[in-house]
Amino acid sequence: MKLKLDLHDIYNKGSEIDKALHGIIQEAVRKKATQVEIIPGKGSGQLKKKVLRFLEQKEIKALYHRIDKDSKNHGRLFVYFQWK
């Protein structure tokens, strides 16, 4: 199962971004999704940096397996999960 989060609509609303990121990670864990696609968009790169900082938090990092940046679209990230 793959989930998707597009942050274009809330790019300038810090607390909503955090809430959306927490929500999609919790949903991935609950549904045992294998991949979450997060779209911060291209822009200045600040939102992507914010998303990466969120994903690097110790308690969040413990939930997923790895992150990939899309080589063809730098406005997109993939978070992969492994379930036993």
C-alpha atoms as a PDB file:
ATOM      1  CA  MET A   1       0.000   0.000   0.000  1.00  0.00           C
ATOM      2  CA  LYS A   2       1.230   3.462  -0.920  1.00  0.00           C
ATOM      3  CA  LEU A   3       0.089   6.724   0.649  1.00  0.00           C
ATOM      4  CA  LYS A   4       0.543  10.255  -0.649  1.00  0.00           C
ATOM      5  CA  LEU A   5       0.745  13.670   1.039  1.00  0.00           C
ATOM      6  CA  ASP A   6       0.772  16.833  -1.083  1.00  0.00           C
ATOM      7  CA  LEU A   7       1.815  19.891   0.929  1.00  0.00           C
ATOM      8  CA  HIS A   8       1.149  22.497  -1.782  1.00  0.00           C
ATOM      9  CA  ASP A   9      -2.044  23.782  -0.136  1.00  0.00           C
ATOM     10  CA  ILE A  10      -0.495  24.308   3.304  1.00  0.00           C
ATOM     11  CA  TYR A  11       3.086  25.248   2.389  1.00  0.00           C
ATOM     12  CA  ASN A  12       3.036  28.383   4.572  1.00  0.00           C
ATOM     13  CA  LYS A  13       1.181  27.011   7.616  1.00  0.00           C
ATOM     14  CA  GLY A  14       3.798  25.520   9.955  1.00  0.00           C
ATOM     15  CA  SER A  15       1.514  23.856  12.490  1.00  0.00           C
ATOM     16  CA  GLU A  16      -0.694  22.346   9.761  1.00  0.00           C
ATOM     17  CA  ILE A  17       2.386  20.958   8.023  1.00  0.00           C
ATOM     18  CA  ASP A  18       3.525  19.238  11.216  1.00  0.00           C
ATOM     19  CA  LYS A  19       0.015  17.902  11.832  1.00  0.00           C
ATOM     20  CA  ALA A  20      -0.210  16.574   8.243  1.00  0.00           C
ATOM     21  CA  LEU A  21       3.228  14.911   8.480  1.00  0.00           C
ATOM     22  CA  HIS A  22       2.393  13.271  11.819  1.00  0.00           C
ATOM     23  CA  GLY A  23      -0.949  12.157  10.383  1.00  0.00           C
ATOM     24  CA  ILE A  24       0.465  10.511   7.271  1.00  0.00           C
ATOM     25  CA  ILE A  25       3.208   8.703   9.236  1.00  0.00           C
ATOM     26  CA  GLN A  26       0.649   7.458  11.784  1.00  0.00           C
ATOM     27  CA  GLU A  27      -1.645   6.330   8.951  1.00  0.00           C
ATOM     28  CA  ALA A  28       1.259   4.476   7.293  1.00  0.00           C
ATOM     29  CA  VAL A  29       2.029   2.663  10.553  1.00  0.00           C
ATOM     30  CA  ARG A  30      -1.652   1.872  11.193  1.00  0.00           C
ATOM     31  CA  LYS A  31      -2.228   0.534   7.663  1.00  0.00           C
ATOM     32  CA  LYS A  32       1.246  -1.013   7.361  1.00  0.00           C
ATOM     33  CA  ALA A  33       1.902   0.949   4.172  1.00  0.00           C
ATOM     34  CA  THR A  34       5.146   0.190   2.379  1.00  0.00           C
ATOM     35  CA  GLN A  35       5.645   3.690   0.962  1.00  0.00           C
ATOM     36  CA  VAL A  36       4.611   7.281   1.604  1.00  0.00           C
ATOM     37  CA  GLU A  37       5.116   9.865  -1.123  1.00  0.00           C
ATOM     38  CA  ILE A  38       5.502  13.385   0.285  1.00  0.00           C
ATOM     39  CA  ILE A  39       5.291  16.308  -2.125  1.00  0.00           C
ATOM     40  CA  PRO A  40       6.690  19.508  -0.634  1.00  0.00           C
ATOM     41  CA  GLY A  41       7.025  20.999  -4.118  1.00  0.00           C
ATOM     42  CA  LYS A  42      10.037  22.577  -5.746  1.00  0.00           C
ATOM     43  CA  GLY A  43       9.906  26.228  -4.630  1.00  0.00           C
ATOM     44  CA  SER A  44      12.834  27.573  -2.610  1.00  0.00           C
ATOM     45  CA  GLY A  45      13.509  24.224  -0.940  1.00  0.00           C
ATOM     46  CA  GLN A  46      12.617  25.452   2.556  1.00  0.00           C
ATOM     47  CA  LEU A  47       9.549  23.225   2.867  1.00  0.00           C
ATOM     48  CA  LYS A  48      11.532  20.177   1.749  1.00  0.00           C
ATOM     49  CA  LYS A  49      14.145  20.985   4.416  1.00  0.00           C
ATOM     50  CA  LYS A  50      11.374  21.260   7.016  1.00  0.00           C
ATOM     51  CA  VAL A  51       9.993  17.852   5.953  1.00  0.00           C
ATOM     52  CA  LEU A  52      13.465  16.272   6.142  1.00  0.00           C
ATOM     53  CA  ARG A  53      14.030  17.773   9.621  1.00  0.00           C
ATOM     54  CA  PHE A  54      10.679  16.313  10.700  1.00  0.00           C
ATOM     55  CA  LEU A  55      11.627  12.889   9.344  1.00  0.00           C
ATOM     56  CA  GLU A  56      15.018  13.009  11.104  1.00  0.00           C
ATOM     57  CA  GLN A  57      13.441  13.325  14.565  1.00  0.00           C
ATOM     58  CA  LYS A  58      14.455  10.307  16.648  1.00  0.00           C
ATOM     59  CA  GLU A  59      10.894   9.112  17.378  1.00  0.00           C
ATOM     60  CA  ILE A  60       9.832   9.469  13.723  1.00  0.00           C
ATOM     61  CA  LYS A  61      13.005   7.961  12.282  1.00  0.00           C
ATOM     62  CA  ALA A  62      12.412   4.825  14.357  1.00  0.00           C
ATOM     63  CA  LEU A  63       9.168   4.189  12.443  1.00  0.00           C
ATOM     64  CA  TYR A  64      10.462   4.015   8.862  1.00  0.00           C
ATOM     65  CA  HIS A  65      13.176   2.134   6.993  1.00  0.00           C
ATOM     66  CA  ARG A  66      14.641   4.748   4.615  1.00  0.00           C
ATOM     67  CA  ILE A  67      14.021   7.939   2.623  1.00  0.00           C
ATOM     68  CA  ASP A  68      14.675   8.495  -1.080  1.00  0.00           C
ATOM     69  CA  LYS A  69      14.662  11.777  -2.939  1.00  0.00           C
ATOM     70  CA  ASP A  70      13.109  11.512  -6.404  1.00  0.00           C
ATOM     71  CA  SER A  71      15.982  11.820  -8.893  1.00  0.00           C
ATOM     72  CA  LYS A  72      13.664  13.123 -11.630  1.00  0.00           C
ATOM     73  CA  ASN A  73      11.609  15.522  -9.473  1.00  0.00           C
ATOM     74  CA  HIS A  74      13.389  17.274  -6.592  1.00  0.00           C
ATOM     75  CA  GLY A  75      10.000  18.362  -5.209  1.00  0.00           C
ATOM     76  CA  ARG A  76       9.139  14.839  -4.087  1.00  0.00           C
ATOM     77  CA  LEU A  77      10.314  12.456  -1.336  1.00  0.00           C
ATOM     78  CA  PHE A  78       9.599   8.788  -0.720  1.00  0.00           C
ATOM     79  CA  VAL A  79       9.535   7.283   2.758  1.00  0.00           C
ATOM     80  CA  TYR A  80       9.775   3.487   2.850  1.00  0.00           C
ATOM     81  CA  PHE A  81       8.567   1.215   5.622  1.00  0.00           C
ATOM     82  CA  GLN A  82       9.416  -2.439   6.336  1.00  0.00           C
ATOM     83  CA  TRP A  83       7.024  -4.650   8.245  1.00  0.00           C
ATOM     84  CA  LYS A  84       7.785  -8.061   9.701  1.00  0.00           C
END
